[in-house]
Amino acid sequence: MANADLLPEDHFRIEVGKVVMHCERLKIGSTDTYRIVFSSARDPLVITRAKAEDGSWFWTSIPEGRQKEATGMGKILEEHFLKM
């Protein structure tokens, strides 16, 4: 799924268990980037999709360093978009 395939509303919330995630889509150039603010003490997370050298897409954090969280949140976002 390319970035252009993701067309969510600009502000939305996702609940997983007891954690509420307030999400905001930020359009940077032609790239959709997502800022996620958690109801828990966890720091906000900014993620986007990037294309690997082999042509596959993956979620990454901005700045880099929170790859595991970016991958997990990316999957949660994709599930949210599929339900729309």
N, C-alpha and C. Protein backbone atom coordinates (compact mmCIF):
# COMPACT_ATOMS: atom_id res chain seq x y z
N MET A 1 0.85 -1.17 0.00
CA MET A 1 0.00 0.00 0.00
C MET A 1 0.90 1.23 0.00
N ALA A 2 0.72 2.08 -0.95
CA ALA A 2 1.52 3.31 -1.05
C ALA A 2 0.89 4.39 -0.19
N ASN A 3 1.66 5.44 0.10
CA ASN A 3 1.13 6.53 0.91
C ASN A 3 -0.15 7.10 0.31
N ALA A 4 -0.21 7.19 -0.99
CA ALA A 4 -1.38 7.78 -1.64
C ALA A 4 -2.64 6.96 -1.39
N ASP A 5 -2.50 5.68 -1.04
CA ASP A 5 -3.65 4.84 -0.78
C ASP A 5 -4.28 5.10 0.58
N LEU A 6 -3.57 5.80 1.46
CA LEU A 6 -4.07 6.07 2.80
C LEU A 6 -4.76 7.44 2.81
N LEU A 7 -6.07 7.43 2.96
CA LEU A 7 -6.80 8.68 2.92
C LEU A 7 -7.71 8.83 4.13
N PRO A 8 -7.15 8.84 5.33
CA PRO A 8 -7.98 8.99 6.53
C PRO A 8 -8.37 10.44 6.77
N GLU A 9 -9.28 10.62 7.70
CA GLU A 9 -9.59 11.97 8.14
C GLU A 9 -8.33 12.57 8.78
N ASP A 10 -8.28 13.87 8.91
CA ASP A 10 -7.07 14.53 9.43
C ASP A 10 -6.88 14.33 10.93
N HIS A 11 -7.95 14.25 11.71
CA HIS A 11 -7.87 14.04 13.15
C HIS A 11 -8.79 12.89 13.52
N PHE A 12 -8.25 11.93 14.23
CA PHE A 12 -9.06 10.79 14.65
C PHE A 12 -8.44 10.18 15.90
N ARG A 13 -9.18 9.31 16.53
CA ARG A 13 -8.67 8.65 17.73
C ARG A 13 -8.86 7.15 17.60
N ILE A 14 -7.93 6.43 18.19
CA ILE A 14 -7.96 4.98 18.18
C ILE A 14 -7.80 4.53 19.63
N GLU A 15 -8.61 3.57 20.04
CA GLU A 15 -8.49 3.02 21.39
C GLU A 15 -8.02 1.58 21.30
N VAL A 16 -6.98 1.27 22.05
CA VAL A 16 -6.48 -0.11 22.16
C VAL A 16 -6.36 -0.40 23.65
N GLY A 17 -7.22 -1.27 24.12
CA GLY A 17 -7.26 -1.53 25.55
C GLY A 17 -7.66 -0.26 26.27
N LYS A 18 -6.86 0.13 27.26
CA LYS A 18 -7.16 1.34 28.03
C LYS A 18 -6.43 2.57 27.49
N VAL A 19 -5.66 2.40 26.41
CA VAL A 19 -4.88 3.52 25.86
C VAL A 19 -5.64 4.15 24.70
N VAL A 20 -5.78 5.47 24.75
CA VAL A 20 -6.39 6.23 23.67
C VAL A 20 -5.26 6.94 22.93
N MET A 21 -5.29 6.83 21.61
CA MET A 21 -4.28 7.48 20.78
C MET A 21 -4.96 8.54 19.94
N HIS A 22 -4.57 9.78 20.13
CA HIS A 22 -5.08 10.88 19.32
C HIS A 22 -4.14 11.04 18.14
N CYS A 23 -4.66 10.86 16.94
CA CYS A 23 -3.84 10.84 15.74
C CYS A 23 -4.16 12.05 14.86
N GLU A 24 -3.13 12.56 14.24
CA GLU A 24 -3.28 13.69 13.32
C GLU A 24 -2.48 13.39 12.06
N ARG A 25 -3.15 13.51 10.92
CA ARG A 25 -2.46 13.33 9.64
C ARG A 25 -1.85 14.66 9.24
N LEU A 26 -0.57 14.64 8.95
CA LEU A 26 0.14 15.83 8.51
C LEU A 26 0.63 15.57 7.09
N LYS A 27 0.26 16.40 6.16
CA LYS A 27 0.69 16.24 4.77
C LYS A 27 1.98 17.03 4.61
N ILE A 28 3.09 16.35 4.33
CA ILE A 28 4.38 17.00 4.12
C ILE A 28 4.78 16.69 2.69
N GLY A 29 4.68 17.70 1.83
CA GLY A 29 4.87 17.45 0.41
C GLY A 29 3.78 16.50 -0.04
N SER A 30 4.16 15.39 -0.64
CA SER A 30 3.19 14.39 -1.07
C SER A 30 3.12 13.22 -0.09
N THR A 31 3.77 13.36 1.05
CA THR A 31 3.85 12.27 2.02
C THR A 31 2.91 12.48 3.20
N ASP A 32 2.14 11.44 3.53
CA ASP A 32 1.31 11.47 4.73
C ASP A 32 2.15 11.05 5.91
N THR A 33 2.15 11.88 6.93
CA THR A 33 2.87 11.63 8.18
C THR A 33 1.84 11.69 9.29
N TYR A 34 2.03 10.89 10.32
CA TYR A 34 1.05 10.82 11.41
C TYR A 34 1.72 11.14 12.74
N ARG A 35 1.10 12.06 13.48
CA ARG A 35 1.55 12.39 14.84
C ARG A 35 0.56 11.73 15.78
N ILE A 36 1.08 10.92 16.69
CA ILE A 36 0.24 10.16 17.60
C ILE A 36 0.57 10.56 19.03
N VAL A 37 -0.47 11.02 19.75
CA VAL A 37 -0.32 11.40 21.15
C VAL A 37 -1.09 10.37 21.97
N PHE A 38 -0.40 9.76 22.92
CA PHE A 38 -0.96 8.68 23.72
C PHE A 38 -1.56 9.22 25.02
N SER A 39 -2.61 8.55 25.51
CA SER A 39 -3.19 8.93 26.80
C SER A 39 -2.31 8.44 27.95
N SER A 40 -1.40 7.53 27.67
CA SER A 40 -0.46 7.05 28.69
C SER A 40 0.72 8.01 28.77
N ALA A 41 1.69 7.69 29.59
CA ALA A 41 2.85 8.57 29.79
C ALA A 41 3.86 8.48 28.63
N ARG A 42 3.57 7.69 27.65
CA ARG A 42 4.47 7.50 26.50
C ARG A 42 4.61 8.80 25.71
N ASP A 43 5.83 9.08 25.24
CA ASP A 43 6.07 10.27 24.43
C ASP A 43 5.31 10.19 23.12
N PRO A 44 4.88 11.35 22.56
CA PRO A 44 4.23 11.34 21.24
C PRO A 44 5.15 10.69 20.20
N LEU A 45 4.54 10.16 19.17
CA LEU A 45 5.27 9.45 18.13
C LEU A 45 4.87 10.02 16.77
N VAL A 46 5.84 10.25 15.91
CA VAL A 46 5.58 10.69 14.54
C VAL A 46 6.06 9.58 13.62
N ILE A 47 5.17 9.12 12.73
CA ILE A 47 5.54 8.03 11.82
C ILE A 47 5.13 8.35 10.39
N THR A 48 5.77 7.67 9.47
CA THR A 48 5.42 7.76 8.06
C THR A 48 5.81 6.45 7.40
N ARG A 49 5.36 6.27 6.19
CA ARG A 49 5.74 5.08 5.42
C ARG A 49 6.91 5.46 4.53
N ALA A 50 7.83 4.53 4.39
CA ALA A 50 9.00 4.73 3.53
C ALA A 50 9.14 3.50 2.64
N LYS A 51 9.82 3.70 1.53
CA LYS A 51 10.02 2.60 0.58
C LYS A 51 11.43 2.05 0.75
N ALA A 52 11.52 0.74 0.96
CA ALA A 52 12.81 0.07 1.12
C ALA A 52 13.46 -0.12 -0.26
N GLU A 53 14.72 -0.44 -0.25
CA GLU A 53 15.45 -0.66 -1.50
C GLU A 53 14.83 -1.75 -2.36
N ASP A 54 14.20 -2.74 -1.72
CA ASP A 54 13.58 -3.83 -2.48
C ASP A 54 12.19 -3.46 -3.01
N GLY A 55 11.74 -2.22 -2.75
CA GLY A 55 10.45 -1.76 -3.23
C GLY A 55 9.30 -1.96 -2.27
N SER A 56 9.53 -2.63 -1.14
CA SER A 56 8.47 -2.83 -0.16
C SER A 56 8.33 -1.57 0.70
N TRP A 57 7.14 -1.43 1.29
CA TRP A 57 6.86 -0.28 2.14
C TRP A 57 6.97 -0.69 3.61
N PHE A 58 7.43 0.23 4.45
CA PHE A 58 7.50 -0.03 5.88
C PHE A 58 7.23 1.28 6.63
N TRP A 59 6.82 1.15 7.89
CA TRP A 59 6.59 2.31 8.75
C TRP A 59 7.87 2.65 9.47
N THR A 60 8.15 3.95 9.60
CA THR A 60 9.35 4.39 10.31
C THR A 60 9.02 5.62 11.15
N SER A 61 9.79 5.81 12.20
CA SER A 61 9.56 6.96 13.08
C SER A 61 10.40 8.15 12.61
N ILE A 62 9.92 9.33 12.94
CA ILE A 62 10.65 10.58 12.67
C ILE A 62 10.78 11.29 14.01
N PRO A 63 11.99 11.51 14.50
CA PRO A 63 13.25 11.01 13.96
C PRO A 63 13.34 9.50 14.16
N GLU A 64 14.31 8.90 13.50
CA GLU A 64 14.52 7.46 13.63
C GLU A 64 14.86 7.10 15.08
N GLY A 65 14.70 5.84 15.41
CA GLY A 65 15.05 5.40 16.75
C GLY A 65 13.92 4.70 17.48
N ARG A 66 12.70 4.81 16.95
CA ARG A 66 11.55 4.16 17.59
C ARG A 66 10.88 3.21 16.59
N GLN A 67 11.74 2.46 15.90
CA GLN A 67 11.27 1.60 14.81
C GLN A 67 10.23 0.58 15.26
N LYS A 68 10.45 -0.06 16.40
CA LYS A 68 9.51 -1.08 16.86
C LYS A 68 8.13 -0.45 17.09
N GLU A 69 8.10 0.73 17.72
CA GLU A 69 6.82 1.43 17.95
C GLU A 69 6.18 1.85 16.62
N ALA A 70 7.01 2.34 15.68
CA ALA A 70 6.49 2.77 14.38
C ALA A 70 5.85 1.61 13.64
N THR A 71 6.50 0.46 13.67
CA THR A 71 5.95 -0.73 13.00
C THR A 71 4.62 -1.13 13.64
N GLY A 72 4.57 -1.15 14.96
CA GLY A 72 3.33 -1.53 15.66
C GLY A 72 2.21 -0.54 15.42
N MET A 73 2.51 0.74 15.54
CA MET A 73 1.48 1.76 15.32
C MET A 73 1.04 1.80 13.87
N GLY A 74 1.97 1.56 12.96
CA GLY A 74 1.61 1.51 11.54
C GLY A 74 0.57 0.43 11.28
N LYS A 75 0.74 -0.73 11.89
CA LYS A 75 -0.24 -1.81 11.73
C LYS A 75 -1.59 -1.41 12.31
N ILE A 76 -1.57 -0.73 13.45
CA ILE A 76 -2.82 -0.27 14.06
C ILE A 76 -3.50 0.76 13.16
N LEU A 77 -2.73 1.68 12.57
CA LEU A 77 -3.31 2.66 11.65
C LEU A 77 -3.90 1.97 10.43
N GLU A 78 -3.19 1.02 9.87
CA GLU A 78 -3.70 0.31 8.69
C GLU A 78 -5.03 -0.39 9.01
N GLU A 79 -5.12 -1.03 10.17
CA GLU A 79 -6.38 -1.68 10.58
C GLU A 79 -7.50 -0.64 10.70
N HIS A 80 -7.17 0.52 11.27
CA HIS A 80 -8.16 1.59 11.40
C HIS A 80 -8.66 2.03 10.03
N PHE A 81 -7.75 2.21 9.07
CA PHE A 81 -8.12 2.67 7.74
C PHE A 81 -8.96 1.64 7.01
N LEU A 82 -8.68 0.37 7.22
CA LEU A 82 -9.46 -0.69 6.57
C LEU A 82 -10.90 -0.72 7.05
N LYS A 83 -11.13 -0.28 8.29
CA LYS A 83 -12.48 -0.27 8.87
C LYS A 83 -13.30 0.91 8.37
N MET A 84 -12.65 1.88 7.77
CA MET A 84 -13.35 3.10 7.34
C MET A 84 -14.21 2.84 6.13
